[in-house]
Amino acid sequence: MPQFRRAVPATAAHPSPDAPARLRVGVVGAGRVGAVLGAALAAAGHEVVAAAGLSTASRDRAQRLLPGVPLLPTDEVVAAADLVVLAVPDDALPGLVAGLAETGVWRRGQLAFHTSGAHGLAVLAPAADAGVLGLALHPAMTFSGGPEDVDRLPGTPFGVTSRPEHRAVAETVVLEMGGEPFWVAEADRALYHAALVTGANHLVTLVAEAADLLRTAGVEHPARVLGPLLTAALENGLRRGDAGLTGPVSRGDVGTVAGHVAALADRAPDAVAGYVAMARRTTERARAAGRLKPHEAQPLTDLLDGVEVPR
């Protein structure tokens, strides 16, 4: 089993001179996530020996974050590495791991981790059967592909899943990349990932939708209006949960909600379904948290149930 000691990265692009290279790292999927993690491992003193990336953006990103690292076919990357980083889309991961197993390129004593939030250890079974120590290490952070991604990595929480006897290894790898590990059980990976998608990906959709509606309403700079409001709402939600709810639904203002639905149906019909769905869920949560009494929540539910959503 590879031996680690914790190393604090000097920068994302240049290894600390005090951190000797210990493992040869291969990055499969030099995209938004893989290139950043490869750079972090290099900064911790490991040697990134090869990377694989198909798109032009991946190749450009690899040249910027992993300078001098050759781009090779996937099987050659795996063959050259002691530690393999699998940073590919969720749906591509099972076929990739199994396909590499069929080529016989996995070897006993290798360490491999994938960055998928949706998958746990089961997807790595074909590699584990060949003697590979497999880990699921998911950075709970959004990666946009810009230079800021490197700066976001230090302190990023990583959802860690491993066999119990490999937990120390998993946590050490995360710490060496500058992250903060937390445990996610194998059976909870899908729910864990759904939670993050709801909080991050769906949040971007909500923000973009709100900005579009403000533009339709004649507001020239939606970000100036939304920035302070959404920052305060996020802080309230994180600190107080459902107790941080504000607005017409939490007050039981049926007339206001009805006015919103009518305005959206007239000016932005594509937004009606999303508004109704979120208003309904907000009503349910406000009632469950005691923010709305049953007799206050029922008129809202009746209103929302009666909305004809444009097709």
Protein backbone atom coordinates (compact mmCIF):
# COMPACT_ATOMS: atom_id res chain seq x y z
CA MET A 1 0.00 0.00 0.00
CA PRO A 2 1.38 3.48 -0.84
CA GLN A 3 2.71 5.44 2.11
CA PHE A 4 1.66 9.06 2.63
CA ARG A 5 2.45 11.86 4.92
CA ARG A 6 0.36 15.00 5.00
CA ALA A 7 1.73 17.78 2.85
CA VAL A 8 0.49 21.35 2.59
CA PRO A 9 0.48 22.51 -1.05
CA ALA A 10 2.72 25.46 -1.83
CA THR A 11 0.72 26.52 -4.87
CA ALA A 12 -1.52 24.68 -7.27
CA ALA A 13 1.06 24.86 -10.05
CA HIS A 14 4.44 24.45 -8.30
CA PRO A 15 5.37 21.74 -5.80
CA SER A 16 6.94 22.66 -2.53
CA PRO A 17 10.68 21.96 -2.65
CA ASP A 18 10.36 20.26 0.74
CA ALA A 19 7.80 17.73 -0.48
CA PRO A 20 9.52 14.92 -2.44
CA ALA A 21 7.57 13.13 -5.13
CA ARG A 22 6.22 9.90 -3.69
CA LEU A 23 3.65 8.58 -6.16
CA ARG A 24 3.35 8.69 -9.92
CA VAL A 25 -0.08 10.17 -10.64
CA GLY A 26 -2.16 9.65 -13.75
CA VAL A 27 -5.20 11.84 -14.40
CA VAL A 28 -7.96 10.31 -16.50
CA GLY A 29 -10.21 13.18 -17.50
CA ALA A 30 -8.16 16.38 -17.43
CA GLY A 31 -11.31 18.50 -17.34
CA ARG A 32 -12.57 21.02 -14.84
CA VAL A 33 -12.03 18.74 -11.85
CA GLY A 34 -9.26 16.39 -12.88
CA ALA A 35 -6.73 19.02 -13.89
CA VAL A 36 -7.24 20.93 -10.63
CA LEU A 37 -6.83 17.81 -8.49
CA GLY A 38 -3.78 16.77 -10.48
CA ALA A 39 -2.25 20.19 -9.86
CA ALA A 40 -3.01 19.87 -6.14
CA LEU A 41 -1.33 16.46 -5.96
CA ALA A 42 1.69 17.88 -7.79
CA ALA A 43 1.81 20.74 -5.31
CA ALA A 44 1.81 18.17 -2.50
CA GLY A 45 4.96 16.60 -3.94
CA HIS A 46 3.63 13.79 -6.13
CA GLU A 47 4.65 13.45 -9.77
CA VAL A 48 1.90 13.75 -12.36
CA VAL A 49 3.29 11.54 -15.12
CA ALA A 50 0.42 11.49 -17.63
CA ALA A 51 -3.09 12.72 -18.29
CA ALA A 52 -5.90 11.90 -20.67
CA GLY A 53 -8.29 14.45 -22.12
CA LEU A 54 -10.26 14.45 -25.34
CA SER A 55 -11.72 17.93 -25.69
CA THR A 56 -9.80 21.00 -26.75
CA ALA A 57 -10.77 22.68 -23.46
CA SER A 58 -9.36 19.75 -21.48
CA ARG A 59 -6.10 19.87 -23.41
CA ASP A 60 -5.79 23.63 -22.89
CA ARG A 61 -6.56 23.23 -19.19
CA ALA A 62 -3.98 20.47 -18.84
CA GLN A 63 -1.33 22.63 -20.48
CA ARG A 64 -2.10 25.44 -18.04
CA LEU A 65 -2.44 23.45 -14.80
CA LEU A 66 -0.23 20.45 -15.58
CA PRO A 67 2.60 21.96 -17.64
CA GLY A 68 4.88 19.44 -19.25
CA VAL A 69 2.59 16.48 -18.47
CA PRO A 70 2.08 14.36 -21.61
CA LEU A 71 -1.46 13.64 -22.81
CA LEU A 72 -1.73 9.93 -23.54
CA PRO A 73 -4.42 7.34 -24.26
CA THR A 74 -6.32 6.32 -21.14
CA ASP A 75 -4.84 2.84 -20.83
CA GLU A 76 -1.33 4.26 -21.05
CA VAL A 77 -2.11 6.80 -18.33
CA VAL A 78 -3.29 4.04 -16.00
CA ALA A 79 -0.31 1.81 -16.81
CA ALA A 80 2.13 4.61 -15.96
CA ALA A 81 0.59 5.55 -12.61
CA ASP A 82 0.70 4.41 -9.00
CA LEU A 83 -2.25 6.68 -8.20
CA VAL A 84 -5.01 7.05 -10.79
CA VAL A 85 -7.47 9.95 -10.64
CA LEU A 86 -10.73 9.12 -12.46
CA ALA A 87 -12.42 12.45 -13.11
CA VAL A 88 -14.98 11.58 -15.79
CA PRO A 89 -18.77 12.10 -16.02
CA ASP A 90 -20.91 9.89 -13.76
CA ASP A 91 -22.46 7.90 -16.60
CA ALA A 92 -19.08 7.24 -18.23
CA LEU A 93 -17.41 5.92 -15.08
CA PRO A 94 -18.76 2.32 -14.94
CA GLY A 95 -17.85 1.58 -18.55
CA LEU A 96 -14.44 3.16 -18.16
CA VAL A 97 -13.48 1.13 -15.08
CA ALA A 98 -14.80 -2.11 -16.56
CA GLY A 99 -13.21 -1.46 -19.94
CA LEU A 100 -9.81 -0.86 -18.38
CA ALA A 101 -10.20 -4.10 -16.42
CA GLU A 102 -10.84 -5.98 -19.66
CA THR A 103 -7.54 -4.71 -21.05
CA GLY A 104 -5.71 -6.00 -17.96
CA VAL A 105 -4.10 -2.62 -17.29
CA TRP A 106 -5.14 -2.42 -13.62
CA ARG A 107 -2.50 -3.95 -11.37
CA ARG A 108 -2.25 -5.00 -7.74
CA GLY A 109 -0.96 -2.30 -5.43
CA GLN A 110 -2.31 0.63 -7.43
CA LEU A 111 -4.40 3.30 -5.75
CA ALA A 112 -7.35 4.78 -7.66
CA PHE A 113 -10.04 7.25 -6.73
CA HIS A 114 -12.97 8.65 -8.65
CA THR A 115 -14.52 12.07 -8.15
CA SER A 116 -18.17 11.16 -8.78
CA GLY A 117 -20.63 12.18 -6.10
CA ALA A 118 -23.29 9.78 -7.33
CA HIS A 119 -21.12 6.64 -7.24
CA GLY A 120 -19.46 4.90 -4.34
CA LEU A 121 -17.15 1.90 -4.27
CA ALA A 122 -19.30 -0.52 -6.27
CA VAL A 123 -18.34 1.14 -9.55
CA LEU A 124 -14.67 0.39 -8.81
CA ALA A 125 -15.26 -3.35 -8.31
CA PRO A 126 -13.57 -4.40 -11.60
CA ALA A 127 -10.42 -2.55 -10.52
CA ALA A 128 -10.64 -3.88 -6.96
CA ASP A 129 -10.83 -7.41 -8.33
CA ALA A 130 -7.43 -6.78 -9.91
CA GLY A 131 -5.97 -5.72 -6.54
CA VAL A 132 -6.47 -1.95 -6.82
CA LEU A 133 -7.21 0.00 -3.65
CA GLY A 134 -10.29 2.02 -4.67
CA LEU A 135 -11.67 5.18 -3.09
CA ALA A 136 -14.58 7.53 -3.78
CA LEU A 137 -13.50 11.12 -3.13
CA HIS A 138 -16.00 13.76 -4.22
CA PRO A 139 -15.12 17.45 -3.87
CA ALA A 140 -18.28 19.26 -2.75
CA MET A 141 -17.46 22.31 -4.81
CA THR A 142 -18.51 23.72 -8.16
CA PHE A 143 -15.76 23.88 -10.78
CA SER A 144 -16.33 26.33 -13.61
CA GLY A 145 -13.16 25.70 -15.58
CA GLY A 146 -11.70 29.10 -14.74
CA PRO A 147 -8.50 30.04 -12.86
CA GLU A 148 -10.53 30.54 -9.68
CA ASP A 149 -11.06 26.77 -9.38
CA VAL A 150 -7.53 26.30 -8.05
CA ASP A 151 -8.11 28.92 -5.36
CA ARG A 152 -11.39 27.29 -4.32
CA LEU A 153 -9.89 23.88 -3.64
CA PRO A 154 -8.11 24.54 -0.31
CA GLY A 155 -10.57 23.81 2.49
CA THR A 156 -13.13 22.24 0.15
CA PRO A 157 -15.12 19.45 1.84
CA PHE A 158 -14.71 16.03 0.19
CA GLY A 159 -17.34 13.32 0.53
CA VAL A 160 -15.26 10.21 1.31
CA THR A 161 -16.35 6.60 0.87
CA SER A 162 -13.94 3.71 1.36
CA ARG A 163 -13.62 0.36 3.02
CA PRO A 164 -13.12 0.88 6.78
CA GLU A 165 -9.53 -0.30 6.66
CA HIS A 166 -8.74 2.22 3.91
CA ARG A 167 -10.33 5.23 5.56
CA ALA A 168 -7.02 6.66 6.79
CA VAL A 169 -5.59 6.43 3.27
CA ALA A 170 -8.66 8.18 1.82
CA GLU A 171 -8.51 10.97 4.35
CA THR A 172 -4.79 11.46 3.79
CA VAL A 173 -5.24 11.80 0.03
CA VAL A 174 -7.90 14.45 0.58
CA LEU A 175 -5.75 16.33 3.08
CA GLU A 176 -2.82 16.29 0.69
CA MET A 177 -5.00 17.97 -1.95
CA GLY A 178 -5.89 20.66 0.57
CA GLY A 179 -9.42 19.39 1.18
CA GLU A 180 -11.36 18.51 4.32
CA PRO A 181 -12.70 14.92 4.37
CA PHE A 182 -16.10 13.90 5.72
CA TRP A 183 -17.60 10.42 5.66
CA VAL A 184 -20.44 9.29 3.39
CA ALA A 185 -21.65 5.69 3.65
CA GLU A 186 -21.86 3.65 0.46
CA ALA A 187 -25.65 3.33 0.73
CA ASP A 188 -26.01 7.10 1.11
CA ARG A 189 -24.04 8.26 -1.93
CA ALA A 190 -27.03 8.84 -4.23
CA LEU A 191 -28.95 10.79 -1.57
CA TYR A 192 -25.83 12.76 -0.67
CA HIS A 193 -25.31 13.73 -4.30
CA ALA A 194 -28.99 14.61 -4.80
CA ALA A 195 -28.69 16.99 -1.84
CA LEU A 196 -25.73 18.77 -3.39
CA VAL A 197 -27.40 18.99 -6.79
CA THR A 198 -30.49 20.50 -5.16
CA GLY A 199 -28.40 23.03 -3.26
CA ALA A 200 -25.93 24.00 -5.97
CA ASN A 201 -27.08 23.14 -9.50
CA HIS A 202 -30.72 23.95 -8.87
CA LEU A 203 -29.67 27.14 -7.09
CA VAL A 204 -27.93 28.36 -10.24
CA THR A 205 -31.12 27.65 -12.20
CA LEU A 206 -33.19 29.60 -9.66
CA VAL A 207 -30.81 32.55 -9.70
CA ALA A 208 -30.71 32.65 -13.51
CA GLU A 209 -34.52 32.41 -13.62
CA ALA A 210 -34.88 35.28 -11.14
CA ALA A 211 -32.45 37.39 -13.16
CA ASP A 212 -34.38 36.72 -16.38
CA LEU A 213 -37.65 37.73 -14.71
CA LEU A 214 -36.11 40.97 -13.47
CA ARG A 215 -34.90 41.77 -16.99
CA THR A 216 -38.41 41.12 -18.28
CA ALA A 217 -39.63 43.54 -15.61
CA GLY A 218 -37.27 46.21 -16.94
CA VAL A 219 -34.45 45.93 -14.40
CA GLU A 220 -31.18 46.57 -16.25
CA HIS A 221 -28.75 45.10 -13.73
CA PRO A 222 -30.37 42.12 -11.99
CA ALA A 223 -27.17 41.10 -10.22
CA ARG A 224 -27.11 44.36 -8.27
CA VAL A 225 -30.59 43.64 -6.96
CA LEU A 226 -30.17 39.92 -6.35
CA GLY A 227 -26.66 39.93 -4.88
CA PRO A 228 -27.41 41.33 -1.40
CA LEU A 229 -30.82 39.62 -1.21
CA LEU A 230 -29.62 36.15 -2.17
CA THR A 231 -26.53 36.41 0.02
CA ALA A 232 -28.71 37.21 3.03
CA ALA A 233 -31.17 34.44 2.13
CA LEU A 234 -28.36 31.89 1.81
CA GLU A 235 -26.90 32.89 5.16
CA ASN A 236 -30.34 32.67 6.79
CA GLY A 237 -30.99 29.25 5.29
CA LEU A 238 -27.65 27.85 6.38
CA ARG A 239 -27.86 29.32 9.87
CA ARG A 240 -31.55 28.98 10.65
CA GLY A 241 -32.99 26.42 8.23
CA ASP A 242 -36.75 26.72 7.74
CA ALA A 243 -36.83 29.36 10.46
CA GLY A 244 -35.08 31.64 7.99
CA LEU A 245 -38.03 31.60 5.57
CA THR A 246 -39.44 34.98 4.63
CA GLY A 247 -41.83 36.17 1.93
CA PRO A 248 -45.49 35.74 1.03
CA VAL A 249 -45.68 31.95 1.32
CA SER A 250 -44.25 31.94 4.84
CA ARG A 251 -46.82 34.62 5.77
CA GLY A 252 -49.76 32.86 4.11
CA ASP A 253 -50.35 35.77 1.72
CA VAL A 254 -52.53 33.93 -0.79
CA GLY A 255 -53.43 37.08 -2.71
CA THR A 256 -49.80 37.95 -3.35
CA VAL A 257 -48.98 34.44 -4.55
CA ALA A 258 -52.04 34.50 -6.82
CA GLY A 259 -50.81 37.80 -8.26
CA HIS A 260 -47.41 36.29 -8.95
CA VAL A 261 -48.93 33.33 -10.76
CA ALA A 262 -51.07 35.64 -12.90
CA ALA A 263 -48.13 37.89 -13.77
CA LEU A 264 -45.95 34.94 -14.70
CA ALA A 265 -48.68 33.37 -16.82
CA ASP A 266 -48.97 36.64 -18.72
CA ARG A 267 -45.33 37.73 -19.01
CA ALA A 268 -43.19 34.60 -18.47
CA PRO A 269 -45.29 31.46 -18.91
CA ASP A 270 -42.24 29.18 -18.98
CA ALA A 271 -41.55 30.17 -15.35
CA VAL A 272 -44.98 29.20 -13.98
CA ALA A 273 -44.21 25.52 -13.40
CA GLY A 274 -41.03 26.25 -11.46
CA TYR A 275 -42.67 28.93 -9.34
CA VAL A 276 -45.63 26.71 -8.46
CA ALA A 277 -43.39 23.74 -7.61
CA MET A 278 -41.18 25.80 -5.31
CA ALA A 279 -44.13 27.61 -3.72
CA ARG A 280 -45.78 24.27 -3.00
CA ARG A 281 -42.63 22.85 -1.42
CA THR A 282 -42.11 26.04 0.58
CA THR A 283 -45.68 25.77 1.84
CA GLU A 284 -45.09 22.18 2.92
CA ARG A 285 -41.88 23.00 4.73
CA ALA A 286 -43.32 26.12 6.36
CA ARG A 287 -46.25 24.09 7.66
CA ALA A 288 -44.04 21.27 8.93
CA ALA A 289 -41.79 23.79 10.71
CA GLY A 290 -44.75 25.52 12.35
CA ARG A 291 -44.29 28.70 10.35
CA LEU A 292 -47.77 28.25 8.90
CA LYS A 293 -50.76 26.86 10.75
CA PRO A 294 -52.82 24.25 8.86
CA HIS A 295 -55.66 26.71 8.23
CA GLU A 296 -53.13 29.18 6.77
CA ALA A 297 -51.40 26.64 4.57
CA GLN A 298 -54.55 25.09 3.07
CA PRO A 299 -55.61 28.12 0.99
CA LEU A 300 -52.11 28.26 -0.51
CA THR A 301 -52.23 24.56 -1.33
CA ASP A 302 -55.67 24.94 -2.90
CA LEU A 303 -54.48 27.88 -5.01
CA LEU A 304 -51.34 26.10 -6.24
CA ASP A 305 -53.20 22.86 -6.96
CA GLY A 306 -55.58 24.80 -9.18
CA VAL A 307 -52.95 26.46 -11.34
CA GLU A 308 -52.92 25.29 -14.95
CA VAL A 309 -49.29 24.99 -15.86
CA PRO A 310 -48.63 26.01 -19.49
CA ARG A 311 -47.33 23.17 -21.64
